[in-house]
């Protein structure tokens, strides 16, 4: 296995971890105004992710940095072509981060309500746009022979990409409801389970619709870069089992199932892309691949050494954080936010 493939896999792992961890963050933020009917319950909801949300976003920063260093041509085409969409996502994430810190600076109900809705918007927008972005990378966008994106913003808002965006939005929201069902106690947990049960069927429908649409709009099924084998099936079965464990009050297993569905869906997408990183809708010869978009072999070698040293440290630290703050949050807990 060459270093180009190694770094494609590592970037896939980073995005998989990001969607798994930040996915429930987004879902919790989206559900905040609906499950939290008063200030106390909203504080419980926010504090359920208060110790995790900023650490989870590190996965995105690392993935972006890895793309920049390992595949600079992919980075240049992606960030220039998807500039408006990524700018909207960045603004939403900035607003979201600020909202966590500003919300409790004043006890006035209108002040707190304003920042609560900012958390909602800051979670809703990226949850939608990540699905749109990956759907476009799979479907193909207008990229010419010089690796330049020649389309506009509205090229990205095609029906297939929008279905992909709605699918990611619904999956993350369900994931967030499952997390709240696992992480909280009392009234918030009861409402979280109710929302998880309500969200399961629409999410399943959107996921199935996205799979059917992918069959006709992409070559993931006819010419996959890597034969996915049972990977997509595991994702689908995991989604089916979510409702079973919710009905059985197995909150931990329900969360694991939503997590597995997101993880194996992401793996399926990267398998469908390989060895491409972006598909050109103008000419297959102009696809960006792990070879024509990569940095020099020396750069990849140095990056591999650095990653081998520091990635395990980061994983151990973040795992330790989740273990330390594993207790359920309730209205009687010491609430920071």
C-alpha atoms as a PDB file:
ATOM      1  CA  UNK A   1       0.000   0.000   0.000  1.00  0.00           C
ATOM      2  CA  UNK A   2       1.498   3.354  -1.038  1.00  0.00           C
ATOM      3  CA  UNK A   3       1.417   6.520   1.077  1.00  0.00           C
ATOM      4  CA  UNK A   4      -1.196   8.128  -1.183  1.00  0.00           C
ATOM      5  CA  UNK A   5      -3.616   5.358  -0.264  1.00  0.00           C
ATOM      6  CA  UNK A   6      -2.605   5.514   3.399  1.00  0.00           C
ATOM      7  CA  UNK A   7      -3.451   9.199   3.565  1.00  0.00           C
ATOM      8  CA  UNK A   8      -6.726   8.754   1.736  1.00  0.00           C
ATOM      9  CA  UNK A   9      -7.649   6.170   4.382  1.00  0.00           C
ATOM     10  CA  UNK A  10      -6.503   8.455   7.207  1.00  0.00           C
ATOM     11  CA  UNK A  11      -8.592  11.326   5.894  1.00  0.00           C
ATOM     12  CA  UNK A  12     -11.535   8.938   5.616  1.00  0.00           C
ATOM     13  CA  UNK A  13     -10.966   7.925   9.246  1.00  0.00           C
ATOM     14  CA  UNK A  14     -10.862  11.573  10.322  1.00  0.00           C
ATOM     15  CA  UNK A  15     -14.150  12.378   8.579  1.00  0.00           C
ATOM     16  CA  UNK A  16     -15.707   9.205   9.952  1.00  0.00           C
ATOM     17  CA  UNK A  17     -14.718  10.173  13.485  1.00  0.00           C
ATOM     18  CA  UNK A  18     -15.901  13.724  12.900  1.00  0.00           C
ATOM     19  CA  UNK A  19     -19.350  12.703  11.673  1.00  0.00           C
ATOM     20  CA  UNK A  20     -19.724  10.187  14.494  1.00  0.00           C
ATOM     21  CA  UNK A  21     -18.743  12.641  17.254  1.00  0.00           C
ATOM     22  CA  UNK A  22     -19.817  16.005  15.876  1.00  0.00           C
ATOM     23  CA  UNK A  23     -22.927  14.375  14.427  1.00  0.00           C
ATOM     24  CA  UNK A  24     -24.580  14.025  17.816  1.00  0.00           C
ATOM     25  CA  UNK A  25     -23.389  17.552  18.708  1.00  0.00           C
ATOM     26  CA  UNK A  26     -25.256  18.873  15.686  1.00  0.00           C
ATOM     27  CA  UNK A  27     -28.293  16.780  16.544  1.00  0.00           C
ATOM     28  CA  UNK A  28     -28.400  18.051  20.117  1.00  0.00           C
ATOM     29  CA  UNK A  29     -28.137  21.649  18.897  1.00  0.00           C
ATOM     30  CA  UNK A  30     -30.956  21.115  16.378  1.00  0.00           C
ATOM     31  CA  UNK A  31     -33.213  19.604  19.039  1.00  0.00           C
ATOM     32  CA  UNK A  32     -32.432  22.256  21.663  1.00  0.00           C
ATOM     33  CA  UNK A  33     -35.412  24.597  21.008  1.00  0.00           C
ATOM     34  CA  UNK A  34     -37.857  21.707  20.683  1.00  0.00           C
ATOM     35  CA  UNK A  35     -36.957  19.461  23.615  1.00  0.00           C
ATOM     36  CA  UNK A  36     -35.940  22.314  25.908  1.00  0.00           C
ATOM     37  CA  UNK A  37     -39.169  24.102  26.809  1.00  0.00           C
ATOM     38  CA  UNK A  38     -37.692  26.135  29.677  1.00  0.00           C
ATOM     39  CA  UNK A  39     -34.307  27.506  30.645  1.00  0.00           C
ATOM     40  CA  UNK A  40     -33.481  24.663  33.042  1.00  0.00           C
ATOM     41  CA  UNK A  41     -34.072  21.886  30.510  1.00  0.00           C
ATOM     42  CA  UNK A  42     -32.183  23.817  27.834  1.00  0.00           C
ATOM     43  CA  UNK A  43     -29.234  24.117  30.178  1.00  0.00           C
ATOM     44  CA  UNK A  44     -29.336  20.363  30.740  1.00  0.00           C
ATOM     45  CA  UNK A  45     -29.312  19.797  26.976  1.00  0.00           C
ATOM     46  CA  UNK A  46     -26.403  22.196  26.373  1.00  0.00           C
ATOM     47  CA  UNK A  47     -24.384  20.781  29.249  1.00  0.00           C
ATOM     48  CA  UNK A  48     -24.776  17.258  27.852  1.00  0.00           C
ATOM     49  CA  UNK A  49     -22.311  18.269  25.107  1.00  0.00           C
ATOM     50  CA  UNK A  50     -20.618  21.131  26.954  1.00  0.00           C
ATOM     51  CA  UNK A  51     -17.439  19.169  27.641  1.00  0.00           C
ATOM     52  CA  UNK A  52     -17.258  17.565  24.197  1.00  0.00           C
ATOM     53  CA  UNK A  53     -18.341  19.868  21.376  1.00  0.00           C
ATOM     54  CA  UNK A  54     -15.112  21.841  20.955  1.00  0.00           C
ATOM     55  CA  UNK A  55     -12.959  18.709  21.110  1.00  0.00           C
ATOM     56  CA  UNK A  56     -15.146  17.029  18.519  1.00  0.00           C
ATOM     57  CA  UNK A  57     -14.532  19.870  16.074  1.00  0.00           C
ATOM     58  CA  UNK A  58     -10.795  19.179  16.213  1.00  0.00           C
ATOM     59  CA  UNK A  59     -11.476  16.179  13.964  1.00  0.00           C
ATOM     60  CA  UNK A  60     -12.671  18.571  11.239  1.00  0.00           C
ATOM     61  CA  UNK A  61      -9.672  20.864  11.633  1.00  0.00           C
ATOM     62  CA  UNK A  62      -7.337  17.886  11.438  1.00  0.00           C
ATOM     63  CA  UNK A  63      -9.120  16.506   8.361  1.00  0.00           C
ATOM     64  CA  UNK A  64      -8.894  19.885   6.629  1.00  0.00           C
ATOM     65  CA  UNK A  65      -5.214  20.187   7.512  1.00  0.00           C
ATOM     66  CA  UNK A  66      -4.547  16.655   6.264  1.00  0.00           C
ATOM     67  CA  UNK A  67      -6.218  17.408   2.919  1.00  0.00           C
ATOM     68  CA  UNK A  68      -4.198  20.620   2.591  1.00  0.00           C
ATOM     69  CA  UNK A  69      -0.881  18.885   3.281  1.00  0.00           C
ATOM     70  CA  UNK A  70      -1.414  15.486   1.644  1.00  0.00           C
ATOM     71  CA  UNK A  71      -3.590  16.455  -1.331  1.00  0.00           C
ATOM     72  CA  UNK A  72      -3.111  20.198  -2.013  1.00  0.00           C
ATOM     73  CA  UNK A  73      -4.842  20.062  -5.409  1.00  0.00           C
ATOM     74  CA  UNK A  74      -7.915  18.481  -3.802  1.00  0.00           C
ATOM     75  CA  UNK A  75      -7.875  21.195  -1.149  1.00  0.00           C
ATOM     76  CA  UNK A  76      -7.537  23.978  -3.745  1.00  0.00           C
ATOM     77  CA  UNK A  77     -10.357  22.695  -5.965  1.00  0.00           C
ATOM     78  CA  UNK A  78     -12.678  21.831  -3.096  1.00  0.00           C
ATOM     79  CA  UNK A  79     -12.304  25.059  -1.152  1.00  0.00           C
ATOM     80  CA  UNK A  80     -12.473  27.286  -4.224  1.00  0.00           C
ATOM     81  CA  UNK A  81     -15.366  25.469  -5.870  1.00  0.00           C
ATOM     82  CA  UNK A  82     -17.390  25.054  -2.683  1.00  0.00           C
ATOM     83  CA  UNK A  83     -16.331  28.459  -1.376  1.00  0.00           C
ATOM     84  CA  UNK A  84     -19.784  29.940  -0.679  1.00  0.00           C
ATOM     85  CA  UNK A  85     -21.115  26.744   0.903  1.00  0.00           C
ATOM     86  CA  UNK A  86     -18.026  26.332   3.084  1.00  0.00           C
ATOM     87  CA  UNK A  87     -18.149  30.001   4.064  1.00  0.00           C
ATOM     88  CA  UNK A  88     -21.769  29.588   5.177  1.00  0.00           C
ATOM     89  CA  UNK A  89     -20.738  26.516   7.146  1.00  0.00           C
ATOM     90  CA  UNK A  90     -17.826  28.366   8.758  1.00  0.00           C
ATOM     91  CA  UNK A  91     -20.036  31.295   9.751  1.00  0.00           C
ATOM     92  CA  UNK A  92     -22.576  28.892  11.228  1.00  0.00           C
ATOM     93  CA  UNK A  93     -19.864  27.148  13.250  1.00  0.00           C
ATOM     94  CA  UNK A  94     -18.529  30.485  14.510  1.00  0.00           C
ATOM     95  CA  UNK A  95     -22.005  31.576  15.595  1.00  0.00           C
ATOM     96  CA  UNK A  96     -22.521  28.208  17.271  1.00  0.00           C
ATOM     97  CA  UNK A  97     -19.243  28.371  19.191  1.00  0.00           C
ATOM     98  CA  UNK A  98     -19.908  31.927  20.353  1.00  0.00           C
ATOM     99  CA  UNK A  99     -23.433  30.979  21.432  1.00  0.00           C
ATOM    100  CA  UNK A 100     -22.224  28.347  23.885  1.00  0.00           C
ATOM    101  CA  UNK A 101     -20.062  30.933  25.619  1.00  0.00           C
ATOM    102  CA  UNK A 102     -22.409  33.941  25.473  1.00  0.00           C
ATOM    103  CA  UNK A 103     -25.675  32.260  26.422  1.00  0.00           C
ATOM    104  CA  UNK A 104     -25.128  32.266  30.179  1.00  0.00           C
ATOM    105  CA  UNK A 105     -23.587  35.734  30.381  1.00  0.00           C
ATOM    106  CA  UNK A 106     -27.039  37.233  31.015  1.00  0.00           C
ATOM    107  CA  UNK A 107     -30.115  35.734  32.663  1.00  0.00           C
ATOM    108  CA  UNK A 108     -32.615  37.703  30.576  1.00  0.00           C
ATOM    109  CA  UNK A 109     -34.962  35.229  28.781  1.00  0.00           C
ATOM    110  CA  UNK A 110     -34.707  37.024  25.429  1.00  0.00           C
ATOM    111  CA  UNK A 111     -30.913  37.004  25.573  1.00  0.00           C
ATOM    112  CA  UNK A 112     -30.787  33.290  26.245  1.00  0.00           C
ATOM    113  CA  UNK A 113     -33.485  32.526  23.678  1.00  0.00           C
ATOM    114  CA  UNK A 114     -31.493  34.419  21.024  1.00  0.00           C
ATOM    115  CA  UNK A 115     -28.361  32.333  21.609  1.00  0.00           C
ATOM    116  CA  UNK A 116     -30.364  29.123  21.855  1.00  0.00           C
ATOM    117  CA  UNK A 117     -31.693  29.722  18.351  1.00  0.00           C
ATOM    118  CA  UNK A 118     -28.167  30.607  17.210  1.00  0.00           C
ATOM    119  CA  UNK A 119     -27.053  27.190  18.457  1.00  0.00           C
ATOM    120  CA  UNK A 120     -29.912  25.678  16.446  1.00  0.00           C
ATOM    121  CA  UNK A 121     -28.935  27.517  13.251  1.00  0.00           C
ATOM    122  CA  UNK A 122     -25.228  26.848  13.835  1.00  0.00           C
ATOM    123  CA  UNK A 123     -26.001  23.126  14.073  1.00  0.00           C
ATOM    124  CA  UNK A 124     -28.651  22.910  11.339  1.00  0.00           C
ATOM    125  CA  UNK A 125     -26.618  24.553   8.565  1.00  0.00           C
ATOM    126  CA  UNK A 126     -23.473  22.337   8.718  1.00  0.00           C
ATOM    127  CA  UNK A 127     -25.563  19.185   9.302  1.00  0.00           C
ATOM    128  CA  UNK A 128     -27.323  19.945   6.014  1.00  0.00           C
ATOM    129  CA  UNK A 129     -24.336  21.209   4.038  1.00  0.00           C
ATOM    130  CA  UNK A 130     -22.045  18.280   4.827  1.00  0.00           C
ATOM    131  CA  UNK A 131     -24.502  15.971   3.107  1.00  0.00           C
ATOM    132  CA  UNK A 132     -24.736  18.359   0.164  1.00  0.00           C
ATOM    133  CA  UNK A 133     -20.931  18.562  -0.126  1.00  0.00           C
ATOM    134  CA  UNK A 134     -20.284  14.824  -0.091  1.00  0.00           C
ATOM    135  CA  UNK A 135     -23.178  14.131  -2.450  1.00  0.00           C
ATOM    136  CA  UNK A 136     -21.661  16.551  -4.958  1.00  0.00           C
ATOM    137  CA  UNK A 137     -18.216  14.984  -4.641  1.00  0.00           C
ATOM    138  CA  UNK A 138     -19.752  11.584  -5.409  1.00  0.00           C
ATOM    139  CA  UNK A 139     -22.048  12.770  -8.197  1.00  0.00           C
ATOM    140  CA  UNK A 140     -19.459  14.989  -9.841  1.00  0.00           C
ATOM    141  CA  UNK A 141     -19.033  18.716 -10.304  1.00  0.00           C
ATOM    142  CA  UNK A 142     -17.701  20.710 -13.280  1.00  0.00           C
ATOM    143  CA  UNK A 143     -13.919  20.442 -12.998  1.00  0.00           C
ATOM    144  CA  UNK A 144     -11.792  21.162 -16.062  1.00  0.00           C
ATOM    145  CA  UNK A 145      -8.422  19.811 -17.175  1.00  0.00           C
ATOM    146  CA  UNK A 146      -6.540  22.300 -14.957  1.00  0.00           C
ATOM    147  CA  UNK A 147      -8.348  21.010 -11.836  1.00  0.00           C
ATOM    148  CA  UNK A 148     -10.411  24.202 -11.702  1.00  0.00           C
ATOM    149  CA  UNK A 149     -14.053  24.234 -10.625  1.00  0.00           C
ATOM    150  CA  UNK A 150     -15.971  25.972 -13.407  1.00  0.00           C
ATOM    151  CA  UNK A 151     -19.475  25.961 -11.921  1.00  0.00           C
ATOM    152  CA  UNK A 152     -21.252  28.258  -9.494  1.00  0.00           C
ATOM    153  CA  UNK A 153     -22.896  27.991  -6.112  1.00  0.00           C
ATOM    154  CA  UNK A 154     -26.231  26.853  -7.526  1.00  0.00           C
ATOM    155  CA  UNK A 155     -24.576  23.936  -9.332  1.00  0.00           C
ATOM    156  CA  UNK A 156     -24.201  22.436  -5.871  1.00  0.00           C
ATOM    157  CA  UNK A 157     -27.920  22.714  -5.111  1.00  0.00           C
ATOM    158  CA  UNK A 158     -29.043  19.945  -7.454  1.00  0.00           C
ATOM    159  CA  UNK A 159     -31.820  17.530  -6.384  1.00  0.00           C
ATOM    160  CA  UNK A 160     -29.441  14.665  -5.587  1.00  0.00           C
ATOM    161  CA  UNK A 161     -27.248  16.833  -3.359  1.00  0.00           C
ATOM    162  CA  UNK A 162     -30.266  18.264  -1.553  1.00  0.00           C
ATOM    163  CA  UNK A 163     -31.555  14.754  -0.834  1.00  0.00           C
ATOM    164  CA  UNK A 164     -28.097  13.920   0.492  1.00  0.00           C
ATOM    165  CA  UNK A 165     -28.226  17.019   2.668  1.00  0.00           C
ATOM    166  CA  UNK A 166     -31.632  16.112   4.084  1.00  0.00           C
ATOM    167  CA  UNK A 167     -30.415  12.560   4.753  1.00  0.00           C
ATOM    168  CA  UNK A 168     -27.362  13.793   6.682  1.00  0.00           C
ATOM    169  CA  UNK A 169     -29.498  16.332   8.548  1.00  0.00           C
ATOM    170  CA  UNK A 170     -31.999  13.678   9.630  1.00  0.00           C
ATOM    171  CA  UNK A 171     -29.293  11.152  10.563  1.00  0.00           C
ATOM    172  CA  UNK A 172     -27.442  13.652  12.735  1.00  0.00           C
ATOM    173  CA  UNK A 173     -30.676  14.783  14.398  1.00  0.00           C
ATOM    174  CA  UNK A 174     -31.628  11.196  15.198  1.00  0.00           C
ATOM    175  CA  UNK A 175     -28.072  10.607  16.444  1.00  0.00           C
ATOM    176  CA  UNK A 176     -28.431  13.635  18.717  1.00  0.00           C
ATOM    177  CA  UNK A 177     -31.747  12.396  20.098  1.00  0.00           C
ATOM    178  CA  UNK A 178     -30.181   9.000  20.812  1.00  0.00           C
ATOM    179  CA  UNK A 179     -27.272  10.725  22.560  1.00  0.00           C
ATOM    180  CA  UNK A 180     -29.596  12.799  24.754  1.00  0.00           C
ATOM    181  CA  UNK A 181     -31.528   9.643  25.589  1.00  0.00           C
ATOM    182  CA  UNK A 182     -28.251   8.112  26.742  1.00  0.00           C
ATOM    183  CA  UNK A 183     -26.611  11.128  28.371  1.00  0.00           C
ATOM    184  CA  UNK A 184     -29.452  12.829  30.264  1.00  0.00           C
ATOM    185  CA  UNK A 185     -31.937  11.897  32.977  1.00  0.00           C
ATOM    186  CA  UNK A 186     -35.424  13.034  33.897  1.00  0.00           C
ATOM    187  CA  UNK A 187     -37.721  15.026  31.626  1.00  0.00           C
ATOM    188  CA  UNK A 188     -35.067  15.655  28.961  1.00  0.00           C
ATOM    189  CA  UNK A 189     -34.392  11.950  28.567  1.00  0.00           C
ATOM    190  CA  UNK A 190     -38.102  11.195  28.209  1.00  0.00           C
ATOM    191  CA  UNK A 191     -38.532  13.843  25.509  1.00  0.00           C
ATOM    192  CA  UNK A 192     -35.334  12.776  23.758  1.00  0.00           C
ATOM    193  CA  UNK A 193     -36.610   9.216  23.454  1.00  0.00           C
ATOM    194  CA  UNK A 194     -39.953  10.479  22.103  1.00  0.00           C
ATOM    195  CA  UNK A 195     -38.179  12.539  19.448  1.00  0.00           C
ATOM    196  CA  UNK A 196     -35.860   9.664  18.562  1.00  0.00           C
ATOM    197  CA  UNK A 197     -38.842   7.393  17.958  1.00  0.00           C
ATOM    198  CA  UNK A 198     -40.558  10.069  15.839  1.00  0.00           C
ATOM    199  CA  UNK A 199     -37.427  10.798  13.822  1.00  0.00           C
ATOM    200  CA  UNK A 200     -36.529   7.202  13.047  1.00  0.00           C
ATOM    201  CA  UNK A 201     -39.013   6.554  10.214  1.00  0.00           C
ATOM    202  CA  UNK A 202     -38.430   9.857   8.325  1.00  0.00           C
ATOM    203  CA  UNK A 203     -34.689   9.266   8.635  1.00  0.00           C
ATOM    204  CA  UNK A 204     -34.998   5.726   7.285  1.00  0.00           C
ATOM    205  CA  UNK A 205     -37.103   6.966   4.351  1.00  0.00           C
ATOM    206  CA  UNK A 206     -34.588   9.696   3.476  1.00  0.00           C
ATOM    207  CA  UNK A 207     -31.661   7.274   3.730  1.00  0.00           C
ATOM    208  CA  UNK A 208     -33.376   4.753   1.442  1.00  0.00           C
ATOM    209  CA  UNK A 209     -34.302   7.514  -1.007  1.00  0.00           C
ATOM    210  CA  UNK A 210     -30.705   8.727  -0.999  1.00  0.00           C
ATOM    211  CA  UNK A 211     -29.420   5.209  -1.717  1.00  0.00           C
ATOM    212  CA  UNK A 212     -31.853   4.792  -4.633  1.00  0.00           C
ATOM    213  CA  UNK A 213     -30.952   8.206  -6.002  1.00  0.00           C
ATOM    214  CA  UNK A 214     -27.235   7.348  -5.642  1.00  0.00           C
ATOM    215  CA  UNK A 215     -27.749   4.278  -7.818  1.00  0.00           C
ATOM    216  CA  UNK A 216     -28.942   6.445 -10.718  1.00  0.00           C
ATOM    217  CA  UNK A 217     -26.836   9.577 -10.126  1.00  0.00           C
ATOM    218  CA  UNK A 218     -23.416   8.150  -9.262  1.00  0.00           C
ATOM    219  CA  UNK A 219     -21.191   5.240 -10.240  1.00  0.00           C
ATOM    220  CA  UNK A 220     -20.773   4.057  -6.644  1.00  0.00           C
ATOM    221  CA  UNK A 221     -22.644   0.832  -7.394  1.00  0.00           C
ATOM    222  CA  UNK A 222     -21.522   0.148 -10.966  1.00  0.00           C
ATOM    223  CA  UNK A 223     -17.842   1.089 -10.618  1.00  0.00           C
ATOM    224  CA  UNK A 224     -16.920   1.396  -6.939  1.00  0.00           C
ATOM    225  CA  UNK A 225     -13.304   2.200  -6.225  1.00  0.00           C
ATOM    226  CA  UNK A 226     -13.301  -0.556  -3.607  1.00  0.00           C
ATOM    227  CA  UNK A 227     -15.888  -3.303  -3.374  1.00  0.00           C
ATOM    228  CA  UNK A 228     -17.814  -2.244  -0.236  1.00  0.00           C
ATOM    229  CA  UNK A 229     -18.928  -5.795   0.525  1.00  0.00           C
ATOM    230  CA  UNK A 230     -21.209  -5.864   3.576  1.00  0.00           C
ATOM    231  CA  UNK A 231     -20.370  -2.292   4.670  1.00  0.00           C
ATOM    232  CA  UNK A 232     -23.539  -0.608   3.277  1.00  0.00           C
ATOM    233  CA  UNK A 233     -25.658  -3.473   4.611  1.00  0.00           C
ATOM    234  CA  UNK A 234     -24.249  -3.001   8.111  1.00  0.00           C
ATOM    235  CA  UNK A 235     -25.181   0.668   7.924  1.00  0.00           C
ATOM    236  CA  UNK A 236     -28.738  -0.146   6.859  1.00  0.00           C
ATOM    237  CA  UNK A 237     -29.244  -2.916   9.428  1.00  0.00           C
ATOM    238  CA  UNK A 238     -27.923  -0.625  12.159  1.00  0.00           C
ATOM    239  CA  UNK A 239     -30.500   1.974  11.205  1.00  0.00           C
ATOM    240  CA  UNK A 240     -33.258  -0.655  11.333  1.00  0.00           C
ATOM    241  CA  UNK A 241     -32.159  -1.769  14.818  1.00  0.00           C
ATOM    242  CA  UNK A 242     -32.340   1.750  16.253  1.00  0.00           C
ATOM    243  CA  UNK A 243     -36.104   1.569  16.755  1.00  0.00           C
ATOM    244  CA  UNK A 244     -35.849  -1.905  18.270  1.00  0.00           C
ATOM    245  CA  UNK A 245     -33.479  -0.760  21.000  1.00  0.00           C
ATOM    246  CA  UNK A 246     -35.439   2.441  21.593  1.00  0.00           C
ATOM    247  CA  UNK A 247     -38.594   0.420  22.188  1.00  0.00           C
ATOM    248  CA  UNK A 248     -36.656  -1.846  24.572  1.00  0.00           C
ATOM    249  CA  UNK A 249     -35.296   1.183  26.502  1.00  0.00           C
ATOM    250  CA  UNK A 250     -31.743   0.187  25.593  1.00  0.00           C
ATOM    251  CA  UNK A 251     -30.445   3.749  25.260  1.00  0.00           C
ATOM    252  CA  UNK A 252     -26.794   2.725  24.959  1.00  0.00           C
ATOM    253  CA  UNK A 253     -27.446   0.248  22.177  1.00  0.00           C
ATOM    254  CA  UNK A 254     -29.728   2.694  20.347  1.00  0.00           C
ATOM    255  CA  UNK A 255     -26.906   5.245  20.347  1.00  0.00           C
ATOM    256  CA  UNK A 256     -24.411   2.629  19.170  1.00  0.00           C
ATOM    257  CA  UNK A 257     -26.730   1.768  16.252  1.00  0.00           C
ATOM    258  CA  UNK A 258     -27.041   5.393  15.091  1.00  0.00           C
ATOM    259  CA  UNK A 259     -23.276   5.708  15.433  1.00  0.00           C
ATOM    260  CA  UNK A 260     -22.644   2.555  13.390  1.00  0.00           C
ATOM    261  CA  UNK A 261     -25.043   3.730  10.695  1.00  0.00           C
ATOM    262  CA  UNK A 262     -23.176   7.030  10.345  1.00  0.00           C
ATOM    263  CA  UNK A 263     -19.749   5.386  10.506  1.00  0.00           C
ATOM    264  CA  UNK A 264     -20.465   2.737   7.867  1.00  0.00           C
ATOM    265  CA  UNK A 265     -22.272   5.229   5.623  1.00  0.00           C
ATOM    266  CA  UNK A 266     -19.159   7.421   5.647  1.00  0.00           C
ATOM    267  CA  UNK A 267     -16.914   4.428   4.943  1.00  0.00           C
ATOM    268  CA  UNK A 268     -19.172   3.470   2.020  1.00  0.00           C
ATOM    269  CA  UNK A 269     -18.828   6.964   0.528  1.00  0.00           C
ATOM    270  CA  UNK A 270     -15.034   6.887   0.710  1.00  0.00           C
ATOM    271  CA  UNK A 271     -14.971   3.398  -0.790  1.00  0.00           C
ATOM    272  CA  UNK A 272     -17.132   4.654  -3.643  1.00  0.00           C
ATOM    273  CA  UNK A 273     -14.782   7.573  -4.268  1.00  0.00           C
ATOM    274  CA  UNK A 274     -11.444   5.717  -4.169  1.00  0.00           C
ATOM    275  CA  UNK A 275      -9.029   6.337  -5.825  1.00  0.00           C
ATOM    276  CA  UNK A 276     -10.745   9.583  -6.742  1.00  0.00           C
ATOM    277  CA  UNK A 277     -11.121  12.464  -4.321  1.00  0.00           C
ATOM    278  CA  UNK A 278     -13.410  14.570  -6.533  1.00  0.00           C
ATOM    279  CA  UNK A 279     -15.331  13.505  -9.622  1.00  0.00           C
ATOM    280  CA  UNK A 280     -15.441  15.718 -12.706  1.00  0.00           C
ATOM    281  CA  UNK A 281     -18.836  15.852 -14.392  1.00  0.00           C
ATOM    282  CA  UNK A 282     -17.202  17.205 -17.567  1.00  0.00           C
ATOM    283  CA  UNK A 283     -14.730  14.425 -18.319  1.00  0.00           C
ATOM    284  CA  UNK A 284     -13.680  11.344 -16.360  1.00  0.00           C
ATOM    285  CA  UNK A 285     -10.087  11.997 -17.383  1.00  0.00           C
ATOM    286  CA  UNK A 286     -10.233  15.199 -15.338  1.00  0.00           C
ATOM    287  CA  UNK A 287     -11.156  13.479 -12.079  1.00  0.00           C
ATOM    288  CA  UNK A 288      -8.983  14.388  -9.129  1.00  0.00           C
ATOM    289  CA  UNK A 289      -7.343  11.270  -7.727  1.00  0.00           C
ATOM    290  CA  UNK A 290      -5.042  10.415  -4.857  1.00  0.00           C
ATOM    291  CA  UNK A 291      -2.171  10.588  -7.355  1.00  0.00           C
ATOM    292  CA  UNK A 292      -2.703  13.706  -9.453  1.00  0.00           C
ATOM    293  CA  UNK A 293      -3.897  15.714  -6.424  1.00  0.00           C
ATOM    294  CA  UNK A 294      -1.221  14.605  -3.956  1.00  0.00           C
ATOM    295  CA  UNK A 295       1.797  16.274  -2.411  1.00  0.00           C
ATOM    296  CA  UNK A 296       5.328  15.002  -2.971  1.00  0.00           C
ATOM    297  CA  UNK A 297       6.368  11.552  -1.664  1.00  0.00           C
ATOM    298  CA  UNK A 298       8.734  13.213   0.811  1.00  0.00           C
ATOM    299  CA  UNK A 299       5.906  15.322   2.259  1.00  0.00           C
ATOM    300  CA  UNK A 300       3.691  12.268   2.645  1.00  0.00           C
ATOM    301  CA  UNK A 301       6.541  10.401   4.347  1.00  0.00           C
ATOM    302  CA  UNK A 302       7.142  13.158   6.919  1.00  0.00           C
ATOM    303  CA  UNK A 303       3.413  13.498   7.559  1.00  0.00           C
ATOM    304  CA  UNK A 304       3.101   9.767   8.140  1.00  0.00           C
ATOM    305  CA  UNK A 305       5.815   9.830  10.795  1.00  0.00           C
ATOM    306  CA  UNK A 306       4.190  12.783  12.580  1.00  0.00           C
ATOM    307  CA  UNK A 307       0.738  11.180  12.416  1.00  0.00           C
ATOM    308  CA  UNK A 308       2.068   7.875  13.797  1.00  0.00           C
ATOM    309  CA  UNK A 309       3.338   9.735  16.859  1.00  0.00           C
ATOM    310  CA  UNK A 310       0.551  12.195  17.622  1.00  0.00           C
ATOM    311  CA  UNK A 311      -2.692  10.552  16.463  1.00  0.00           C
ATOM    312  CA  UNK A 312      -2.609   7.847  19.175  1.00  0.00           C
ATOM    313  CA  UNK A 313      -1.963  10.542  21.810  1.00  0.00           C
ATOM    314  CA  UNK A 314      -4.982  12.547  20.672  1.00  0.00           C
ATOM    315  CA  UNK A 315      -7.187   9.445  20.591  1.00  0.00           C
ATOM    316  CA  UNK A 316      -6.145   8.426  24.105  1.00  0.00           C
ATOM    317  CA  UNK A 317      -6.745  11.923  25.447  1.00  0.00           C
ATOM    318  CA  UNK A 318     -10.179  12.261  23.875  1.00  0.00           C
ATOM    319  CA  UNK A 319     -11.177   8.784  25.024  1.00  0.00           C
ATOM    320  CA  UNK A 320     -10.094   9.714  28.545  1.00  0.00           C
ATOM    321  CA  UNK A 321     -12.237  12.869  28.365  1.00  0.00           C
ATOM    322  CA  UNK A 322     -15.350  10.912  27.436  1.00  0.00           C
ATOM    323  CA  UNK A 323     -14.680   8.448  30.258  1.00  0.00           C
ATOM    324  CA  UNK A 324     -14.250  11.165  32.889  1.00  0.00           C
ATOM    325  CA  UNK A 325     -17.448  12.966  31.853  1.00  0.00           C
ATOM    326  CA  UNK A 326     -19.538   9.854  31.275  1.00  0.00           C
ATOM    327  CA  UNK A 327     -22.172  10.587  33.944  1.00  0.00           C
ATOM    328  CA  UNK A 328     -25.719  11.451  32.969  1.00  0.00           C
ATOM    329  CA  UNK A 329     -26.765  15.099  33.175  1.00  0.00           C
ATOM    330  CA  UNK A 330     -29.965  16.102  34.978  1.00  0.00           C
ATOM    331  CA  UNK A 331     -31.603  19.235  36.340  1.00  0.00           C
ATOM    332  CA  UNK A 332     -29.906  18.529  39.675  1.00  0.00           C
ATOM    333  CA  UNK A 333     -26.415  18.407  38.167  1.00  0.00           C
ATOM    334  CA  UNK A 334     -23.876  21.216  38.506  1.00  0.00           C
ATOM    335  CA  UNK A 335     -24.548  22.996  35.208  1.00  0.00           C
ATOM    336  CA  UNK A 336     -21.704  25.013  33.727  1.00  0.00           C
ATOM    337  CA  UNK A 337     -23.518  26.573  30.745  1.00  0.00           C
END
